[in-house]
Amino acid sequence: IAPGLLQGYLSMEELPNSLALIPPPPEEG
């Protein structure tokens, strides 16, 4: 992708969605 940075084996469509895996931050207060 860049010098010394190899392209991963997952396509953009196969990358995990971190928003679906990690819960939202706690509510203020």
PDB file of all heavy atoms in Angstrom:
ATOM      1  N   ILE A   1       0.847  -1.187   0.000  1.00  0.00           N
ATOM      2  CA  ILE A   1       0.000   0.000   0.000  1.00  0.00           C
ATOM      3  C   ILE A   1       0.884   1.240   0.000  1.00  0.00           C
ATOM      4  O   ILE A   1       0.605   2.217  -0.665  1.00  0.00           O
ATOM      5  CB  ILE A   1      -0.922  -0.009   1.230  1.00  0.00           C
ATOM      6  CG1 ILE A   1      -1.858  -1.204   1.168  1.00  0.00           C
ATOM      7  CG2 ILE A   1      -1.713   1.293   1.324  1.00  0.00           C
ATOM      8  CD1 ILE A   1      -2.668  -1.421   2.414  1.00  0.00           C
ATOM      9  N   ALA A   2       1.947   1.184   0.785  1.00  0.00           N
ATOM     10  CA  ALA A   2       2.960   2.235   0.878  1.00  0.00           C
ATOM     11  C   ALA A   2       4.287   1.507   1.079  1.00  0.00           C
ATOM     12  O   ALA A   2       4.295   0.308   1.374  1.00  0.00           O
ATOM     13  CB  ALA A   2       2.659   3.167   2.045  1.00  0.00           C
ATOM     14  N   PRO A   3       5.416   2.173   0.931  1.00  0.00           N
ATOM     15  CA  PRO A   3       6.700   1.489   1.126  1.00  0.00           C
ATOM     16  C   PRO A   3       6.780   0.822   2.507  1.00  0.00           C
ATOM     17  O   PRO A   3       6.639   1.478   3.535  1.00  0.00           O
ATOM     18  CB  PRO A   3       7.720   2.615   0.998  1.00  0.00           C
ATOM     19  CG  PRO A   3       7.046   3.643   0.151  1.00  0.00           C
ATOM     20  CD  PRO A   3       5.600   3.565   0.504  1.00  0.00           C
ATOM     21  N   GLY A   4       6.926  -0.492   2.489  1.00  0.00           N
ATOM     22  CA  GLY A   4       7.041  -1.257   3.727  1.00  0.00           C
ATOM     23  C   GLY A   4       5.721  -1.627   4.375  1.00  0.00           C
ATOM     24  O   GLY A   4       5.684  -2.318   5.370  1.00  0.00           O
ATOM     25  N   LEU A   5       4.597  -1.183   3.821  1.00  0.00           N
ATOM     26  CA  LEU A   5       3.272  -1.487   4.363  1.00  0.00           C
ATOM     27  C   LEU A   5       2.548  -2.404   3.391  1.00  0.00           C
ATOM     28  O   LEU A   5       2.129  -1.985   2.312  1.00  0.00           O
ATOM     29  CB  LEU A   5       2.480  -0.203   4.592  1.00  0.00           C
ATOM     30  CG  LEU A   5       1.083  -0.364   5.194  1.00  0.00           C
ATOM     31  CD1 LEU A   5       1.167  -1.017   6.572  1.00  0.00           C
ATOM     32  CD2 LEU A   5       0.400   0.986   5.298  1.00  0.00           C
ATOM     33  N   LEU A   6       2.442  -3.682   3.777  1.00  0.00           N
ATOM     34  CA  LEU A   6       1.849  -4.679   2.893  1.00  0.00           C
ATOM     35  C   LEU A   6       0.334  -4.616   2.917  1.00  0.00           C
ATOM     36  O   LEU A   6      -0.271  -4.315   3.945  1.00  0.00           O
ATOM     37  CB  LEU A   6       2.308  -6.082   3.300  1.00  0.00           C
ATOM     38  CG  LEU A   6       3.812  -6.325   3.276  1.00  0.00           C
ATOM     39  CD1 LEU A   6       4.124  -7.739   3.735  1.00  0.00           C
ATOM     40  CD2 LEU A   6       4.383  -6.069   1.900  1.00  0.00           C
ATOM     41  N   GLN A   7      -0.262  -4.926   1.769  1.00  0.00           N
ATOM     42  CA  GLN A   7      -1.711  -4.983   1.676  1.00  0.00           C
ATOM     43  C   GLN A   7      -2.194  -6.200   2.451  1.00  0.00           C
ATOM     44  O   GLN A   7      -1.612  -7.276   2.365  1.00  0.00           O
ATOM     45  CB  GLN A   7      -2.123  -5.094   0.213  1.00  0.00           C
ATOM     46  CG  GLN A   7      -3.608  -5.205   0.004  1.00  0.00           C
ATOM     47  CD  GLN A   7      -3.947  -5.285  -1.473  1.00  0.00           C
ATOM     48  OE1 GLN A   7      -3.178  -4.859  -2.316  1.00  0.00           O
ATOM     49  NE2 GLN A   7      -5.095  -5.839  -1.773  1.00  0.00           N
ATOM     50  N   GLY A   8      -3.254  -6.059   3.186  1.00  0.00           N
ATOM     51  CA  GLY A   8      -3.806  -7.167   3.962  1.00  0.00           C
ATOM     52  C   GLY A   8      -4.502  -8.180   3.070  1.00  0.00           C
ATOM     53  O   GLY A   8      -4.669  -7.988   1.866  1.00  0.00           O
ATOM     54  N   TYR A   9      -4.921  -9.275   3.663  1.00  0.00           N
ATOM     55  CA  TYR A   9      -5.550 -10.335   2.889  1.00  0.00           C
ATOM     56  C   TYR A   9      -7.066 -10.166   2.797  1.00  0.00           C
ATOM     57  O   TYR A   9      -7.728 -10.862   2.036  1.00  0.00           O
ATOM     58  CB  TYR A   9      -5.211 -11.716   3.463  1.00  0.00           C
ATOM     59  CG  TYR A   9      -5.645 -11.918   4.890  1.00  0.00           C
ATOM     60  CD1 TYR A   9      -6.902 -12.422   5.187  1.00  0.00           C
ATOM     61  CD2 TYR A   9      -4.805 -11.600   5.946  1.00  0.00           C
ATOM     62  CE1 TYR A   9      -7.302 -12.607   6.486  1.00  0.00           C
ATOM     63  CE2 TYR A   9      -5.194 -11.782   7.248  1.00  0.00           C
ATOM     64  CZ  TYR A   9      -6.449 -12.284   7.515  1.00  0.00           C
ATOM     65  OH  TYR A   9      -6.837 -12.457   8.814  1.00  0.00           O
ATOM     66  N   LEU A  10      -7.638  -9.219   3.546  1.00  0.00           N
ATOM     67  CA  LEU A  10      -9.074  -8.979   3.483  1.00  0.00           C
ATOM     68  C   LEU A  10      -9.372  -7.821   2.543  1.00  0.00           C
ATOM     69  O   LEU A  10      -8.657  -6.820   2.526  1.00  0.00           O
ATOM     70  CB  LEU A  10      -9.619  -8.636   4.875  1.00  0.00           C
ATOM     71  CG  LEU A  10      -9.540  -9.726   5.937  1.00  0.00           C
ATOM     72  CD1 LEU A  10     -10.025  -9.197   7.272  1.00  0.00           C
ATOM     73  CD2 LEU A  10     -10.337 -10.943   5.524  1.00  0.00           C
ATOM     74  N   SER A  11     -10.440  -7.953   1.784  1.00  0.00           N
ATOM     75  CA  SER A  11     -10.869  -6.838   0.937  1.00  0.00           C
ATOM     76  C   SER A  11     -11.555  -5.806   1.827  1.00  0.00           C
ATOM     77  O   SER A  11     -11.883  -6.081   2.987  1.00  0.00           O
ATOM     78  CB  SER A  11     -11.835  -7.341  -0.137  1.00  0.00           C
ATOM     79  OG  SER A  11     -13.053  -7.750   0.466  1.00  0.00           O
ATOM     80  N   MET A  12     -11.825  -4.637   1.280  1.00  0.00           N
ATOM     81  CA  MET A  12     -12.490  -3.589   2.051  1.00  0.00           C
ATOM     82  C   MET A  12     -13.860  -4.056   2.542  1.00  0.00           C
ATOM     83  O   MET A  12     -14.300  -3.699   3.627  1.00  0.00           O
ATOM     84  CB  MET A  12     -12.620  -2.309   1.221  1.00  0.00           C
ATOM     85  CG  MET A  12     -11.294  -1.626   0.933  1.00  0.00           C
ATOM     86  SD  MET A  12     -10.388  -1.166   2.432  1.00  0.00           S
ATOM     87  CE  MET A  12     -11.389   0.188   3.008  1.00  0.00           C
ATOM     88  N   GLU A  13     -14.543  -4.871   1.744  1.00  0.00           N
ATOM     89  CA  GLU A  13     -15.866  -5.371   2.126  1.00  0.00           C
ATOM     90  C   GLU A  13     -15.780  -6.398   3.251  1.00  0.00           C
ATOM     91  O   GLU A  13     -16.736  -6.585   3.996  1.00  0.00           O
ATOM     92  CB  GLU A  13     -16.578  -5.998   0.913  1.00  0.00           C
ATOM     93  CG  GLU A  13     -16.906  -5.009  -0.191  1.00  0.00           C
ATOM     94  CD  GLU A  13     -15.705  -4.666  -1.067  1.00  0.00           C
ATOM     95  OE1 GLU A  13     -14.781  -5.497  -1.198  1.00  0.00           O
ATOM     96  OE2 GLU A  13     -15.688  -3.549  -1.617  1.00  0.00           O
ATOM     97  N   GLU A  14     -14.654  -7.098   3.365  1.00  0.00           N
ATOM     98  CA  GLU A  14     -14.495  -8.142   4.375  1.00  0.00           C
ATOM     99  C   GLU A  14     -13.946  -7.628   5.702  1.00  0.00           C
ATOM    100  O   GLU A  14     -13.958  -8.358   6.690  1.00  0.00           O
ATOM    101  CB  GLU A  14     -13.544  -9.227   3.856  1.00  0.00           C
ATOM    102  CG  GLU A  14     -14.059  -9.985   2.657  1.00  0.00           C
ATOM    103  CD  GLU A  14     -13.008 -10.909   2.072  1.00  0.00           C
ATOM    104  OE1 GLU A  14     -11.870 -10.454   1.850  1.00  0.00           O
ATOM    105  OE2 GLU A  14     -13.331 -12.085   1.841  1.00  0.00           O
ATOM    106  N   LEU A  15     -13.472  -6.395   5.738  1.00  0.00           N
ATOM    107  CA  LEU A  15     -12.918  -5.856   6.977  1.00  0.00           C
ATOM    108  C   LEU A  15     -13.999  -5.801   8.054  1.00  0.00           C
ATOM    109  O   LEU A  15     -15.150  -5.452   7.780  1.00  0.00           O
ATOM    110  CB  LEU A  15     -12.359  -4.450   6.751  1.00  0.00           C
ATOM    111  CG  LEU A  15     -11.070  -4.376   5.944  1.00  0.00           C
ATOM    112  CD1 LEU A  15     -10.707  -2.916   5.671  1.00  0.00           C
ATOM    113  CD2 LEU A  15      -9.939  -5.059   6.675  1.00  0.00           C
ATOM    114  N   PRO A  16     -13.662  -6.158   9.292  1.00  0.00           N
ATOM    115  CA  PRO A  16     -14.665  -6.101  10.361  1.00  0.00           C
ATOM    116  C   PRO A  16     -15.083  -4.656  10.650  1.00  0.00           C
ATOM    117  O   PRO A  16     -14.284  -3.740  10.567  1.00  0.00           O
ATOM    118  CB  PRO A  16     -13.952  -6.724  11.562  1.00  0.00           C
ATOM    119  CG  PRO A  16     -12.533  -6.828  11.208  1.00  0.00           C
ATOM    120  CD  PRO A  16     -12.381  -6.653   9.739  1.00  0.00           C
ATOM    121  N   ASN A  17     -16.336  -4.484  10.988  1.00  0.00           N
ATOM    122  CA  ASN A  17     -16.865  -3.177  11.332  1.00  0.00           C
ATOM    123  C   ASN A  17     -16.722  -2.988  12.836  1.00  0.00           C
ATOM    124  O   ASN A  17     -17.453  -3.579  13.628  1.00  0.00           O
ATOM    125  CB  ASN A  17     -18.343  -3.084  10.913  1.00  0.00           C
ATOM    126  CG  ASN A  17     -18.957  -1.747  11.239  1.00  0.00           C
ATOM    127  OD1 ASN A  17     -18.328  -0.877  11.831  1.00  0.00           O
ATOM    128  ND2 ASN A  17     -20.210  -1.582  10.855  1.00  0.00           N
ATOM    129  N   SER A  18     -15.783  -2.161  13.240  1.00  0.00           N
ATOM    130  CA  SER A  18     -15.527  -1.974  14.669  1.00  0.00           C
ATOM    131  C   SER A  18     -16.717  -1.355  15.390  1.00  0.00           C
ATOM    132  O   SER A  18     -16.930  -1.595  16.574  1.00  0.00           O
ATOM    133  CB  SER A  18     -14.280  -1.112  14.883  1.00  0.00           C
ATOM    134  OG  SER A  18     -14.481   0.177  14.341  1.00  0.00           O
ATOM    135  N   LEU A  19     -17.540  -0.581  14.679  1.00  0.00           N
ATOM    136  CA  LEU A  19     -18.721   0.018  15.308  1.00  0.00           C
ATOM    137  C   LEU A  19     -19.740  -1.052  15.697  1.00  0.00           C
ATOM    138  O   LEU A  19     -20.499  -0.880  16.654  1.00  0.00           O
ATOM    139  CB  LEU A  19     -19.358   1.046  14.377  1.00  0.00           C
ATOM    140  CG  LEU A  19     -18.501   2.267  14.050  1.00  0.00           C
ATOM    141  CD1 LEU A  19     -19.212   3.167  13.049  1.00  0.00           C
ATOM    142  CD2 LEU A  19     -18.147   3.030  15.314  1.00  0.00           C
ATOM    143  N   ALA A  20     -19.748  -2.170  14.973  1.00  0.00           N
ATOM    144  CA  ALA A  20     -20.657  -3.262  15.309  1.00  0.00           C
ATOM    145  C   ALA A  20     -20.074  -4.155  16.400  1.00  0.00           C
ATOM    146  O   ALA A  20     -20.813  -4.852  17.098  1.00  0.00           O
ATOM    147  CB  ALA A  20     -20.956  -4.094  14.068  1.00  0.00           C
ATOM    148  N   LEU A  21     -18.758  -4.141  16.573  1.00  0.00           N
ATOM    149  CA  LEU A  21     -18.098  -5.027  17.533  1.00  0.00           C
ATOM    150  C   LEU A  21     -17.890  -4.387  18.905  1.00  0.00           C
ATOM    151  O   LEU A  21     -17.870  -5.070  19.918  1.00  0.00           O
ATOM    152  CB  LEU A  21     -16.730  -5.464  16.988  1.00  0.00           C
ATOM    153  CG  LEU A  21     -16.754  -6.257  15.687  1.00  0.00           C
ATOM    154  CD1 LEU A  21     -15.332  -6.455  15.171  1.00  0.00           C
ATOM    155  CD2 LEU A  21     -17.438  -7.596  15.899  1.00  0.00           C
ATOM    156  N   ILE A  22     -17.709  -3.084  18.933  1.00  0.00           N
ATOM    157  CA  ILE A  22     -17.387  -2.382  20.180  1.00  0.00           C
ATOM    158  C   ILE A  22     -18.602  -1.570  20.614  1.00  0.00           C
ATOM    159  O   ILE A  22     -19.187  -0.849  19.806  1.00  0.00           O
ATOM    160  CB  ILE A  22     -16.175  -1.452  19.974  1.00  0.00           C
ATOM    161  CG1 ILE A  22     -14.986  -2.284  19.524  1.00  0.00           C
ATOM    162  CG2 ILE A  22     -15.850  -0.673  21.232  1.00  0.00           C
ATOM    163  CD1 ILE A  22     -13.796  -1.461  19.106  1.00  0.00           C
ATOM    164  N   PRO A  23     -18.993  -1.679  21.881  1.00  0.00           N
ATOM    165  CA  PRO A  23     -20.160  -0.911  22.329  1.00  0.00           C
ATOM    166  C   PRO A  23     -19.862   0.591  22.327  1.00  0.00           C
ATOM    167  O   PRO A  23     -18.697   1.001  22.353  1.00  0.00           O
ATOM    168  CB  PRO A  23     -20.389  -1.425  23.749  1.00  0.00           C
ATOM    169  CG  PRO A  23     -19.092  -1.980  24.191  1.00  0.00           C
ATOM    170  CD  PRO A  23     -18.413  -2.478  22.947  1.00  0.00           C
ATOM    171  N   PRO A  24     -20.892   1.412  22.296  1.00  0.00           N
ATOM    172  CA  PRO A  24     -20.678   2.862  22.309  1.00  0.00           C
ATOM    173  C   PRO A  24     -20.097   3.301  23.659  1.00  0.00           C
ATOM    174  O   PRO A  24     -20.188   2.569  24.651  1.00  0.00           O
ATOM    175  CB  PRO A  24     -22.083   3.429  22.102  1.00  0.00           C
ATOM    176  CG  PRO A  24     -23.010   2.359  22.554  1.00  0.00           C
ATOM    177  CD  PRO A  24     -22.307   1.068  22.275  1.00  0.00           C
ATOM    178  N   PRO A  25     -19.514   4.496  23.705  1.00  0.00           N
ATOM    179  CA  PRO A  25     -18.973   4.977  24.985  1.00  0.00           C
ATOM    180  C   PRO A  25     -20.108   5.215  25.984  1.00  0.00           C
ATOM    181  O   PRO A  25     -21.261   5.408  25.597  1.00  0.00           O
ATOM    182  CB  PRO A  25     -18.282   6.292  24.607  1.00  0.00           C
ATOM    183  CG  PRO A  25     -18.907   6.715  23.333  1.00  0.00           C
ATOM    184  CD  PRO A  25     -19.338   5.464  22.633  1.00  0.00           C
ATOM    185  N   PRO A  26     -19.766   5.207  27.265  1.00  0.00           N
ATOM    186  CA  PRO A  26     -20.810   5.433  28.274  1.00  0.00           C
ATOM    187  C   PRO A  26     -21.379   6.851  28.179  1.00  0.00           C
ATOM    188  O   PRO A  26     -20.698   7.776  27.755  1.00  0.00           O
ATOM    189  CB  PRO A  26     -20.089   5.202  29.599  1.00  0.00           C
ATOM    190  CG  PRO A  26     -18.645   5.294  29.304  1.00  0.00           C
ATOM    191  CD  PRO A  26     -18.458   4.981  27.863  1.00  0.00           C
ATOM    192  N   GLU A  27     -22.613   6.999  28.574  1.00  0.00           N
ATOM    193  CA  GLU A  27     -23.260   8.304  28.542  1.00  0.00           C
ATOM    194  C   GLU A  27     -22.683   9.211  29.616  1.00  0.00           C
ATOM    195  O   GLU A  27     -22.322   8.750  30.705  1.00  0.00           O
ATOM    196  CB  GLU A  27     -24.773   8.149  28.746  1.00  0.00           C
ATOM    197  CG  GLU A  27     -25.463   7.438  27.601  1.00  0.00           C
ATOM    198  CD  GLU A  27     -26.969   7.384  27.791  1.00  0.00           C
ATOM    199  OE1 GLU A  27     -27.518   8.237  28.503  1.00  0.00           O
ATOM    200  OE2 GLU A  27     -27.575   6.474  27.215  1.00  0.00           O
ATOM    201  N   GLU A  28     -22.610  10.493  29.306  1.00  0.00           N
ATOM    202  CA  GLU A  28     -22.084  11.465  30.252  1.00  0.00           C
ATOM    203  C   GLU A  28     -22.944  11.457  31.517  1.00  0.00           C
ATOM    204  O   GLU A  28     -24.162  11.421  31.458  1.00  0.00           O
ATOM    205  CB  GLU A  28     -22.087  12.867  29.622  1.00  0.00           C
ATOM    206  CG  GLU A  28     -21.280  13.865  30.398  1.00  0.00           C
ATOM    207  CD  GLU A  28     -21.082  15.160  29.647  1.00  0.00           C
ATOM    208  OE1 GLU A  28     -21.210  15.165  28.408  1.00  0.00           O
ATOM    209  OE2 GLU A  28     -20.788  16.166  30.304  1.00  0.00           O
ATOM    210  N   GLY A  29     -22.261  11.437  32.663  1.00  0.00           N
ATOM    211  CA  GLY A  29     -22.948  11.406  33.953  1.00  0.00           C
ATOM    212  C   GLY A  29     -23.163  10.008  34.497  1.00  0.00           C
ATOM    213  O   GLY A  29     -23.530   9.844  35.662  1.00  0.00           O
TER     214      GLY A  29
END
